Amino acid sequence: MKQVPIGVSARHIHLSENHIERLFGSGYQLQVLKDLSQPGQFAAVETVAVVGPKGRFDKVRILGPARSKTQLEISRTDAFTVGVNPPVRESGHTEGTPGITLIGPAGEVTIEEGVIVAARHIHFHTDDAAQWGIVDKQLLTVKIDGERSLILEGVIARVSDQYALDMHIDTDEANAAGTKTGHIALILS
């Protein structure tokens, strides 16, 4: 049986080094609040406000370390609230996506693109993927059992020796399935 732990990904932002400095001050370094399931990744103490055409979210958690490009990951419900229409994309694929304004304690930044609804995916360490015959970018079908069982299709396999086994879904998907971080999903195919 191919079981994988679920990680529910709430709205969050990845910032470039340049944007960290513009929002928090020259030379600023993010402080670790807690480590995440993926090695070397962390939720930062710091947050920013996110402002769209129709609304805003205060205290959007920053995930570190810094990335090459700033990217905001929100659910479809969040997108309605702030008034943007982001596509479902893999992380890092921000070309042609909406922009948004970010406000930090030392300044603000308006990004021209970078807002996505993250595509559901499973991080596989290369050893786990090899054991189960799964290859990078393979599309999987996954079942979440429970009171509101749900089958998710098109779950992207992301394989690397830098990853730890974990399935990432957003809050809309988790709510639809009645699941939460730490529950177990079953890979059907």
N, C-alpha and C. Protein backbone atom coordinates (compact mmCIF):
# COMPACT_ATOMS: atom_id res chain seq x y z
N MET A 1 0.83 -1.17 0.00
CA MET A 1 0.00 0.00 0.00
C MET A 1 0.88 1.25 0.00
N LYS A 2 0.58 2.17 -0.88
CA LYS A 2 1.36 3.40 -1.01
C LYS A 2 0.70 4.52 -0.22
N GLN A 3 1.09 4.66 1.04
CA GLN A 3 0.52 5.68 1.91
C GLN A 3 1.47 6.87 2.01
N VAL A 4 0.87 8.06 2.05
CA VAL A 4 1.66 9.28 2.11
C VAL A 4 1.01 10.25 3.11
N PRO A 5 1.83 10.91 3.94
CA PRO A 5 1.26 11.89 4.87
C PRO A 5 0.79 13.14 4.12
N ILE A 6 -0.27 13.73 4.65
CA ILE A 6 -0.85 14.94 4.06
C ILE A 6 -0.30 16.16 4.80
N GLY A 7 0.05 17.17 4.01
CA GLY A 7 0.41 18.47 4.56
C GLY A 7 -0.51 19.51 3.95
N VAL A 8 -1.30 20.16 4.78
CA VAL A 8 -2.22 21.19 4.29
C VAL A 8 -1.46 22.52 4.25
N SER A 9 -1.46 23.11 3.08
CA SER A 9 -0.69 24.33 2.86
C SER A 9 -1.62 25.54 2.85
N ALA A 10 -1.59 26.30 3.94
CA ALA A 10 -2.37 27.54 4.01
C ALA A 10 -1.68 28.61 3.18
N ARG A 11 -2.37 29.74 2.97
CA ARG A 11 -1.76 30.83 2.21
C ARG A 11 -0.41 31.18 2.80
N HIS A 12 0.55 31.42 1.91
CA HIS A 12 1.89 31.78 2.35
C HIS A 12 2.64 32.45 1.21
N ILE A 13 3.79 33.01 1.54
CA ILE A 13 4.58 33.70 0.52
C ILE A 13 6.04 33.31 0.63
N HIS A 14 6.69 33.19 -0.53
CA HIS A 14 8.13 33.02 -0.64
C HIS A 14 8.66 34.35 -1.17
N LEU A 15 9.68 34.90 -0.53
CA LEU A 15 10.22 36.20 -0.94
C LEU A 15 11.64 36.06 -1.48
N SER A 16 11.94 36.91 -2.45
CA SER A 16 13.32 37.03 -2.92
C SER A 16 14.12 37.81 -1.87
N GLU A 17 15.43 37.68 -1.91
CA GLU A 17 16.29 38.41 -0.97
C GLU A 17 16.06 39.92 -1.10
N ASN A 18 15.94 40.40 -2.32
CA ASN A 18 15.71 41.82 -2.59
C ASN A 18 14.41 42.29 -1.92
N HIS A 19 13.35 41.50 -2.06
CA HIS A 19 12.07 41.88 -1.48
C HIS A 19 12.07 41.79 0.05
N ILE A 20 12.83 40.84 0.60
CA ILE A 20 12.97 40.78 2.07
C ILE A 20 13.57 42.09 2.56
N GLU A 21 14.61 42.55 1.89
CA GLU A 21 15.26 43.79 2.31
C GLU A 21 14.36 45.01 2.12
N ARG A 22 13.59 45.04 1.05
CA ARG A 22 12.69 46.17 0.82
C ARG A 22 11.54 46.20 1.82
N LEU A 23 11.11 45.03 2.26
CA LEU A 23 9.98 44.95 3.20
C LEU A 23 10.41 45.05 4.67
N PHE A 24 11.64 44.59 4.97
CA PHE A 24 12.08 44.52 6.37
C PHE A 24 13.33 45.33 6.68
N GLY A 25 14.03 45.81 5.66
CA GLY A 25 15.22 46.62 5.91
C GLY A 25 16.47 45.97 5.36
N SER A 26 17.45 46.80 5.08
CA SER A 26 18.72 46.36 4.49
C SER A 26 19.41 45.31 5.35
N GLY A 27 19.82 44.21 4.71
CA GLY A 27 20.54 43.15 5.41
C GLY A 27 19.69 42.25 6.28
N TYR A 28 18.38 42.43 6.25
CA TYR A 28 17.49 41.67 7.14
C TYR A 28 17.54 40.17 6.83
N GLN A 29 17.53 39.36 7.86
CA GLN A 29 17.51 37.90 7.74
C GLN A 29 16.24 37.36 8.41
N LEU A 30 15.53 36.49 7.71
CA LEU A 30 14.33 35.87 8.27
C LEU A 30 14.68 35.03 9.49
N GLN A 31 13.80 35.06 10.49
CA GLN A 31 13.97 34.27 11.71
C GLN A 31 13.10 33.01 11.62
N VAL A 32 13.63 31.87 12.05
CA VAL A 32 12.92 30.59 11.97
C VAL A 32 11.88 30.49 13.09
N LEU A 33 10.61 30.30 12.70
CA LEU A 33 9.55 30.01 13.67
C LEU A 33 9.48 28.51 13.90
N LYS A 34 9.43 27.74 12.78
CA LYS A 34 9.45 26.27 12.89
C LYS A 34 9.90 25.69 11.57
N ASP A 35 10.52 24.52 11.65
CA ASP A 35 10.93 23.80 10.46
C ASP A 35 9.70 23.16 9.80
N LEU A 36 9.75 23.04 8.48
CA LEU A 36 8.67 22.42 7.72
C LEU A 36 9.05 20.99 7.33
N SER A 37 8.14 20.29 6.67
CA SER A 37 8.37 18.89 6.34
C SER A 37 9.50 18.69 5.35
N GLN A 38 9.77 19.69 4.51
CA GLN A 38 10.84 19.56 3.53
C GLN A 38 12.15 20.05 4.12
N PRO A 39 13.21 19.26 4.00
CA PRO A 39 14.50 19.62 4.60
C PRO A 39 14.97 21.02 4.19
N GLY A 40 15.39 21.81 5.18
CA GLY A 40 15.91 23.15 4.92
C GLY A 40 14.85 24.23 4.78
N GLN A 41 13.58 23.87 4.73
CA GLN A 41 12.49 24.83 4.59
C GLN A 41 11.93 25.17 5.97
N PHE A 42 11.48 26.41 6.14
CA PHE A 42 10.96 26.81 7.44
C PHE A 42 9.87 27.87 7.30
N ALA A 43 9.00 27.91 8.29
CA ALA A 43 8.04 29.01 8.45
C ALA A 43 8.78 30.07 9.24
N ALA A 44 8.75 31.29 8.73
CA ALA A 44 9.45 32.39 9.39
C ALA A 44 8.56 33.04 10.46
N VAL A 45 9.20 33.69 11.39
CA VAL A 45 8.50 34.48 12.39
C VAL A 45 7.75 35.62 11.69
N GLU A 46 8.37 36.17 10.66
CA GLU A 46 7.86 37.36 10.00
C GLU A 46 6.64 37.06 9.11
N THR A 47 5.80 38.08 8.99
CA THR A 47 4.64 38.04 8.10
C THR A 47 4.58 39.35 7.33
N VAL A 48 3.78 39.36 6.26
CA VAL A 48 3.53 40.58 5.50
C VAL A 48 2.03 40.70 5.26
N ALA A 49 1.60 41.91 4.94
CA ALA A 49 0.23 42.11 4.48
C ALA A 49 0.22 41.96 2.96
N VAL A 50 -0.85 41.39 2.44
CA VAL A 50 -1.03 41.19 1.00
C VAL A 50 -2.28 41.95 0.60
N VAL A 51 -2.15 42.86 -0.38
CA VAL A 51 -3.26 43.72 -0.76
C VAL A 51 -3.56 43.54 -2.25
N GLY A 52 -4.82 43.17 -2.53
CA GLY A 52 -5.27 43.02 -3.91
C GLY A 52 -6.30 44.07 -4.25
N PRO A 53 -6.87 43.99 -5.45
CA PRO A 53 -7.85 44.99 -5.89
C PRO A 53 -9.12 45.06 -5.03
N LYS A 54 -9.50 43.95 -4.38
CA LYS A 54 -10.76 43.92 -3.63
C LYS A 54 -10.60 43.70 -2.13
N GLY A 55 -9.43 43.31 -1.70
CA GLY A 55 -9.29 43.00 -0.28
C GLY A 55 -7.85 42.76 0.10
N ARG A 56 -7.66 42.38 1.36
CA ARG A 56 -6.31 42.16 1.85
C ARG A 56 -6.29 41.06 2.90
N PHE A 57 -5.12 40.51 3.09
CA PHE A 57 -4.85 39.60 4.20
C PHE A 57 -3.68 40.17 4.97
N ASP A 58 -3.84 40.32 6.26
CA ASP A 58 -2.72 40.71 7.11
C ASP A 58 -2.06 39.43 7.62
N LYS A 59 -0.82 39.54 8.00
CA LYS A 59 -0.09 38.44 8.64
C LYS A 59 -0.01 37.18 7.78
N VAL A 60 0.36 37.34 6.52
CA VAL A 60 0.61 36.19 5.64
C VAL A 60 2.01 35.68 5.96
N ARG A 61 2.09 34.41 6.32
CA ARG A 61 3.35 33.81 6.77
C ARG A 61 4.35 33.73 5.62
N ILE A 62 5.59 34.08 5.92
CA ILE A 62 6.69 33.94 4.96
C ILE A 62 7.33 32.58 5.19
N LEU A 63 7.61 31.87 4.09
CA LEU A 63 8.35 30.62 4.18
C LEU A 63 9.76 30.86 3.65
N GLY A 64 10.74 30.34 4.35
CA GLY A 64 12.12 30.54 3.97
C GLY A 64 12.77 29.23 3.60
N PRO A 65 13.98 29.30 3.09
CA PRO A 65 14.80 30.49 2.92
C PRO A 65 14.35 31.32 1.71
N ALA A 66 15.06 32.43 1.47
CA ALA A 66 14.76 33.30 0.33
C ALA A 66 14.82 32.50 -0.97
N ARG A 67 14.00 32.91 -1.91
CA ARG A 67 13.96 32.28 -3.24
C ARG A 67 14.45 33.26 -4.29
N SER A 68 14.62 32.76 -5.51
CA SER A 68 15.08 33.65 -6.59
C SER A 68 13.98 34.62 -7.01
N LYS A 69 12.69 34.18 -6.89
CA LYS A 69 11.56 35.04 -7.25
C LYS A 69 10.51 35.00 -6.14
N THR A 70 9.85 36.12 -5.94
CA THR A 70 8.76 36.19 -4.96
C THR A 70 7.52 35.51 -5.53
N GLN A 71 6.86 34.72 -4.69
CA GLN A 71 5.68 33.96 -5.12
C GLN A 71 4.70 33.86 -3.96
N LEU A 72 3.46 34.25 -4.20
CA LEU A 72 2.38 34.11 -3.23
C LEU A 72 1.52 32.92 -3.62
N GLU A 73 1.31 32.00 -2.67
CA GLU A 73 0.47 30.83 -2.90
C GLU A 73 -0.79 30.96 -2.06
N ILE A 74 -1.94 30.99 -2.75
CA ILE A 74 -3.23 31.15 -2.09
C ILE A 74 -4.21 30.12 -2.63
N SER A 75 -5.30 29.93 -1.90
CA SER A 75 -6.37 29.05 -2.37
C SER A 75 -7.29 29.83 -3.30
N ARG A 76 -8.16 29.13 -3.99
CA ARG A 76 -9.13 29.80 -4.86
C ARG A 76 -10.03 30.72 -4.02
N THR A 77 -10.44 30.28 -2.83
CA THR A 77 -11.26 31.11 -1.95
C THR A 77 -10.52 32.39 -1.58
N ASP A 78 -9.23 32.28 -1.24
CA ASP A 78 -8.42 33.46 -0.94
C ASP A 78 -8.38 34.41 -2.14
N ALA A 79 -8.28 33.85 -3.34
CA ALA A 79 -8.19 34.66 -4.56
C ALA A 79 -9.43 35.53 -4.73
N PHE A 80 -10.61 34.96 -4.45
CA PHE A 80 -11.85 35.74 -4.52
C PHE A 80 -11.80 36.90 -3.53
N THR A 81 -11.30 36.63 -2.34
CA THR A 81 -11.27 37.65 -1.28
C THR A 81 -10.42 38.85 -1.67
N VAL A 82 -9.24 38.61 -2.26
CA VAL A 82 -8.36 39.73 -2.61
C VAL A 82 -8.60 40.27 -4.01
N GLY A 83 -9.39 39.55 -4.82
CA GLY A 83 -9.77 40.06 -6.13
C GLY A 83 -8.80 39.79 -7.26
N VAL A 84 -8.13 38.64 -7.21
CA VAL A 84 -7.25 38.23 -8.31
C VAL A 84 -7.71 36.88 -8.83
N ASN A 85 -7.25 36.51 -10.03
CA ASN A 85 -7.64 35.23 -10.63
C ASN A 85 -6.39 34.47 -11.05
N PRO A 86 -5.68 33.89 -10.07
CA PRO A 86 -4.44 33.19 -10.40
C PRO A 86 -4.71 31.81 -10.99
N PRO A 87 -3.81 31.35 -11.86
CA PRO A 87 -3.94 30.00 -12.39
C PRO A 87 -3.43 28.98 -11.38
N VAL A 88 -3.81 27.71 -11.59
CA VAL A 88 -3.24 26.61 -10.84
C VAL A 88 -1.90 26.30 -11.50
N ARG A 89 -0.83 26.37 -10.73
CA ARG A 89 0.52 26.19 -11.27
C ARG A 89 1.40 25.45 -10.28
N GLU A 90 2.45 24.84 -10.84
CA GLU A 90 3.51 24.30 -10.00
C GLU A 90 4.30 25.46 -9.43
N SER A 91 4.85 25.27 -8.27
CA SER A 91 5.68 26.29 -7.64
C SER A 91 6.81 26.69 -8.59
N GLY A 92 7.04 28.00 -8.65
CA GLY A 92 8.11 28.53 -9.49
C GLY A 92 7.68 28.90 -10.90
N HIS A 93 6.50 28.47 -11.31
CA HIS A 93 5.99 28.75 -12.66
C HIS A 93 5.03 29.94 -12.58
N THR A 94 5.58 31.13 -12.54
CA THR A 94 4.78 32.32 -12.28
C THR A 94 4.58 33.21 -13.51
N GLU A 95 5.10 32.80 -14.66
CA GLU A 95 4.97 33.62 -15.86
C GLU A 95 3.49 33.84 -16.18
N GLY A 96 3.12 35.10 -16.42
CA GLY A 96 1.75 35.42 -16.82
C GLY A 96 0.73 35.36 -15.70
N THR A 97 1.18 35.29 -14.45
CA THR A 97 0.25 35.25 -13.31
C THR A 97 -0.01 36.66 -12.80
N PRO A 98 -1.07 36.85 -12.02
CA PRO A 98 -1.35 38.19 -11.48
C PRO A 98 -0.28 38.66 -10.50
N GLY A 99 -0.24 39.96 -10.32
CA GLY A 99 0.62 40.56 -9.30
C GLY A 99 -0.20 40.96 -8.10
N ILE A 100 0.48 41.54 -7.10
CA ILE A 100 -0.17 41.93 -5.86
C ILE A 100 0.77 42.86 -5.10
N THR A 101 0.25 43.59 -4.13
CA THR A 101 1.08 44.48 -3.32
C THR A 101 1.35 43.83 -1.96
N LEU A 102 2.60 43.94 -1.53
CA LEU A 102 3.05 43.39 -0.26
C LEU A 102 3.48 44.53 0.64
N ILE A 103 3.08 44.49 1.91
CA ILE A 103 3.44 45.54 2.85
C ILE A 103 4.14 44.92 4.06
N GLY A 104 5.34 45.42 4.32
CA GLY A 104 6.11 44.99 5.47
C GLY A 104 6.38 46.17 6.39
N PRO A 105 7.08 45.96 7.48
CA PRO A 105 7.32 47.04 8.44
C PRO A 105 8.25 48.14 7.92
N ALA A 106 9.06 47.85 6.89
CA ALA A 106 10.01 48.84 6.39
C ALA A 106 9.67 49.37 5.00
N GLY A 107 8.59 48.87 4.40
CA GLY A 107 8.24 49.34 3.07
C GLY A 107 7.23 48.45 2.40
N GLU A 108 6.97 48.77 1.13
CA GLU A 108 6.03 47.94 0.37
C GLU A 108 6.59 47.67 -1.02
N VAL A 109 6.09 46.58 -1.61
CA VAL A 109 6.53 46.14 -2.92
C VAL A 109 5.29 45.72 -3.69
N THR A 110 5.20 46.12 -4.94
CA THR A 110 4.16 45.59 -5.83
C THR A 110 4.85 44.69 -6.84
N ILE A 111 4.47 43.41 -6.82
CA ILE A 111 5.03 42.48 -7.79
C ILE A 111 4.10 42.44 -9.00
N GLU A 112 4.67 42.37 -10.18
CA GLU A 112 3.90 42.37 -11.43
C GLU A 112 3.28 41.00 -11.71
N GLU A 113 3.93 39.95 -11.22
CA GLU A 113 3.40 38.59 -11.35
C GLU A 113 3.92 37.78 -10.17
N GLY A 114 3.29 36.62 -9.94
CA GLY A 114 3.78 35.78 -8.86
C GLY A 114 2.71 35.18 -7.98
N VAL A 115 1.41 35.42 -8.27
CA VAL A 115 0.34 34.85 -7.46
C VAL A 115 -0.17 33.59 -8.14
N ILE A 116 -0.14 32.46 -7.42
CA ILE A 116 -0.62 31.19 -7.96
C ILE A 116 -1.52 30.48 -6.94
N VAL A 117 -2.34 29.58 -7.47
CA VAL A 117 -2.97 28.53 -6.67
C VAL A 117 -2.07 27.33 -6.91
N ALA A 118 -1.41 26.85 -5.87
CA ALA A 118 -0.42 25.79 -6.05
C ALA A 118 -1.09 24.49 -6.49
N ALA A 119 -0.52 23.88 -7.52
CA ALA A 119 -0.99 22.58 -7.98
C ALA A 119 -0.74 21.55 -6.89
N ARG A 120 -1.71 20.68 -6.65
CA ARG A 120 -1.53 19.63 -5.65
C ARG A 120 -0.38 18.73 -6.10
N HIS A 121 0.44 18.33 -5.14
CA HIS A 121 1.63 17.56 -5.48
C HIS A 121 2.08 16.73 -4.29
N ILE A 122 2.93 15.75 -4.61
CA ILE A 122 3.56 14.93 -3.57
C ILE A 122 5.07 15.04 -3.75
N HIS A 123 5.76 15.39 -2.67
CA HIS A 123 7.21 15.36 -2.65
C HIS A 123 7.64 13.92 -2.35
N PHE A 124 8.49 13.37 -3.20
CA PHE A 124 9.04 12.03 -2.99
C PHE A 124 10.55 12.12 -2.88
N HIS A 125 11.12 11.50 -1.88
CA HIS A 125 12.56 11.29 -1.89
C HIS A 125 12.81 10.27 -3.00
N THR A 126 13.95 10.35 -3.66
CA THR A 126 14.25 9.45 -4.78
C THR A 126 14.12 7.98 -4.37
N ASP A 127 14.46 7.64 -3.13
CA ASP A 127 14.35 6.25 -2.68
C ASP A 127 12.89 5.79 -2.62
N ASP A 128 12.00 6.65 -2.10
CA ASP A 128 10.57 6.30 -2.04
C ASP A 128 10.01 6.15 -3.45
N ALA A 129 10.35 7.08 -4.33
CA ALA A 129 9.84 7.04 -5.70
C ALA A 129 10.31 5.76 -6.41
N ALA A 130 11.56 5.42 -6.25
CA ALA A 130 12.10 4.21 -6.90
C ALA A 130 11.41 2.96 -6.37
N GLN A 131 11.20 2.91 -5.06
CA GLN A 131 10.54 1.75 -4.44
C GLN A 131 9.13 1.56 -5.00
N TRP A 132 8.44 2.66 -5.28
CA TRP A 132 7.05 2.59 -5.74
C TRP A 132 6.91 2.73 -7.25
N GLY A 133 8.03 2.85 -7.97
CA GLY A 133 7.97 2.95 -9.42
C GLY A 133 7.38 4.26 -9.92
N ILE A 134 7.65 5.34 -9.20
CA ILE A 134 7.10 6.66 -9.54
C ILE A 134 8.23 7.54 -10.08
N VAL A 135 7.93 8.29 -11.14
CA VAL A 135 8.93 9.16 -11.74
C VAL A 135 8.51 10.62 -11.60
N ASP A 136 9.50 11.50 -11.68
CA ASP A 136 9.26 12.93 -11.56
C ASP A 136 8.26 13.41 -12.60
N LYS A 137 7.32 14.24 -12.17
CA LYS A 137 6.26 14.85 -13.00
C LYS A 137 5.14 13.88 -13.37
N GLN A 138 5.20 12.64 -12.89
CA GLN A 138 4.11 11.69 -13.13
C GLN A 138 2.84 12.22 -12.47
N LEU A 139 1.70 12.05 -13.13
CA LEU A 139 0.42 12.46 -12.56
C LEU A 139 -0.22 11.27 -11.86
N LEU A 140 -0.58 11.46 -10.61
CA LEU A 140 -1.07 10.38 -9.76
C LEU A 140 -2.53 10.60 -9.38
N THR A 141 -3.18 9.50 -8.99
CA THR A 141 -4.52 9.54 -8.43
C THR A 141 -4.40 9.14 -6.96
N VAL A 142 -4.95 9.98 -6.08
CA VAL A 142 -4.77 9.79 -4.64
C VAL A 142 -6.14 9.83 -3.96
N LYS A 143 -6.33 8.94 -3.00
CA LYS A 143 -7.58 8.91 -2.24
C LYS A 143 -7.33 9.38 -0.81
N ILE A 144 -8.21 10.27 -0.36
CA ILE A 144 -8.20 10.70 1.04
C ILE A 144 -9.44 10.10 1.68
N ASP A 145 -9.23 9.19 2.63
CA ASP A 145 -10.34 8.55 3.32
C ASP A 145 -10.85 9.43 4.46
N GLY A 146 -12.07 9.16 4.86
CA GLY A 146 -12.63 9.88 5.99
C GLY A 146 -14.11 10.10 5.79
N GLU A 147 -14.66 10.94 6.63
CA GLU A 147 -16.08 11.23 6.59
C GLU A 147 -16.50 11.82 5.24
N ARG A 148 -15.59 12.54 4.61
CA ARG A 148 -15.86 13.15 3.30
C ARG A 148 -14.81 12.67 2.30
N SER A 149 -14.67 11.36 2.14
CA SER A 149 -13.67 10.79 1.25
C SER A 149 -13.64 11.50 -0.09
N LEU A 150 -12.44 11.61 -0.62
CA LEU A 150 -12.25 12.35 -1.86
C LEU A 150 -11.14 11.70 -2.66
N ILE A 151 -11.33 11.61 -3.98
CA ILE A 151 -10.28 11.14 -4.87
C ILE A 151 -9.77 12.34 -5.65
N LEU A 152 -8.46 12.57 -5.58
CA LEU A 152 -7.80 13.66 -6.28
C LEU A 152 -7.04 13.10 -7.47
N GLU A 153 -7.30 13.64 -8.63
CA GLU A 153 -6.58 13.23 -9.84
C GLU A 153 -5.60 14.32 -10.22
N GLY A 154 -4.60 13.95 -11.01
CA GLY A 154 -3.63 14.93 -11.49
C GLY A 154 -2.71 15.45 -10.40
N VAL A 155 -2.42 14.63 -9.40
CA VAL A 155 -1.50 15.01 -8.34
C VAL A 155 -0.07 14.82 -8.88
N ILE A 156 0.70 15.89 -8.91
CA ILE A 156 2.02 15.87 -9.53
C ILE A 156 3.05 15.25 -8.60
N ALA A 157 3.81 14.27 -9.12
CA ALA A 157 4.93 13.69 -8.37
C ALA A 157 6.15 14.59 -8.57
N ARG A 158 6.74 15.02 -7.46
CA ARG A 158 7.97 15.82 -7.50
C ARG A 158 9.04 15.01 -6.79
N VAL A 159 10.02 14.56 -7.54
CA VAL A 159 11.01 13.61 -7.04
C VAL A 159 12.38 14.28 -6.95
N SER A 160 13.01 14.16 -5.78
CA SER A 160 14.36 14.70 -5.57
C SER A 160 14.98 14.04 -4.35
N ASP A 161 16.31 13.94 -4.36
CA ASP A 161 16.98 13.43 -3.17
C ASP A 161 17.00 14.48 -2.05
N GLN A 162 16.47 15.68 -2.34
CA GLN A 162 16.37 16.75 -1.35
C GLN A 162 14.99 16.80 -0.68
N TYR A 163 14.06 15.92 -1.08
CA TYR A 163 12.69 15.95 -0.57
C TYR A 163 12.45 14.88 0.47
N ALA A 164 11.43 15.11 1.29
CA ALA A 164 10.90 14.12 2.22
C ALA A 164 9.46 13.83 1.79
N LEU A 165 9.01 12.60 1.95
CA LEU A 165 7.69 12.18 1.51
C LEU A 165 6.59 13.00 2.19
N ASP A 166 5.78 13.70 1.37
CA ASP A 166 4.71 14.54 1.91
C ASP A 166 3.83 15.01 0.75
N MET A 167 2.51 14.92 0.91
CA MET A 167 1.58 15.43 -0.09
C MET A 167 1.10 16.81 0.33
N HIS A 168 1.16 17.77 -0.59
CA HIS A 168 0.72 19.13 -0.29
C HIS A 168 -0.57 19.45 -1.04
N ILE A 169 -1.60 19.80 -0.27
CA ILE A 169 -2.87 20.28 -0.81
C ILE A 169 -3.19 21.60 -0.13
N ASP A 170 -4.05 22.40 -0.76
CA ASP A 170 -4.37 23.68 -0.13
C ASP A 170 -5.58 23.54 0.80
N THR A 171 -5.93 24.64 1.44
CA THR A 171 -7.00 24.60 2.45
C THR A 171 -8.36 24.28 1.83
N ASP A 172 -8.61 24.73 0.60
CA ASP A 172 -9.88 24.40 -0.05
C ASP A 172 -10.00 22.89 -0.25
N GLU A 173 -8.93 22.27 -0.72
CA GLU A 173 -8.95 20.82 -0.95
C GLU A 173 -9.07 20.06 0.37
N ALA A 174 -8.36 20.51 1.39
CA ALA A 174 -8.42 19.86 2.69
C ALA A 174 -9.82 19.96 3.29
N ASN A 175 -10.43 21.14 3.18
CA ASN A 175 -11.78 21.31 3.71
C ASN A 175 -12.78 20.44 2.97
N ALA A 176 -12.63 20.32 1.65
CA ALA A 176 -13.54 19.48 0.87
C ALA A 176 -13.45 18.02 1.30
N ALA A 177 -12.25 17.59 1.68
CA ALA A 177 -12.04 16.20 2.09
C ALA A 177 -12.21 16.00 3.60
N GLY A 178 -12.37 17.08 4.35
CA GLY A 178 -12.47 16.94 5.80
C GLY A 178 -11.20 16.39 6.41
N THR A 179 -10.05 16.81 5.87
CA THR A 179 -8.77 16.27 6.35
C THR A 179 -7.89 17.38 6.89
N LYS A 180 -6.76 16.99 7.46
CA LYS A 180 -5.82 17.97 8.00
C LYS A 180 -4.40 17.42 7.94
N THR A 181 -3.46 18.29 8.23
CA THR A 181 -2.05 17.90 8.25
C THR A 181 -1.86 16.71 9.19
N GLY A 182 -1.11 15.72 8.69
CA GLY A 182 -0.83 14.54 9.49
C GLY A 182 -1.70 13.34 9.15
N HIS A 183 -2.85 13.59 8.51
CA HIS A 183 -3.66 12.46 8.04
C HIS A 183 -2.91 11.75 6.92
N ILE A 184 -3.39 10.59 6.55
CA ILE A 184 -2.72 9.77 5.54
C ILE A 184 -3.60 9.65 4.30
N ALA A 185 -2.96 9.74 3.13
CA ALA A 185 -3.64 9.53 1.86
C ALA A 185 -3.07 8.27 1.22
N LEU A 186 -3.82 7.72 0.29
CA LEU A 186 -3.43 6.48 -0.39
C LEU A 186 -3.26 6.74 -1.87
N ILE A 187 -2.10 6.44 -2.39
CA ILE A 187 -1.85 6.58 -3.84
C ILE A 187 -2.49 5.39 -4.54
N LEU A 188 -3.46 5.67 -5.42
CA LEU A 188 -4.18 4.60 -6.13
C LEU A 188 -3.45 4.22 -7.42
N SER A 189 -2.96 5.21 -8.13
CA SER A 189 -2.23 4.95 -9.37
C SER A 189 -1.42 6.16 -9.77
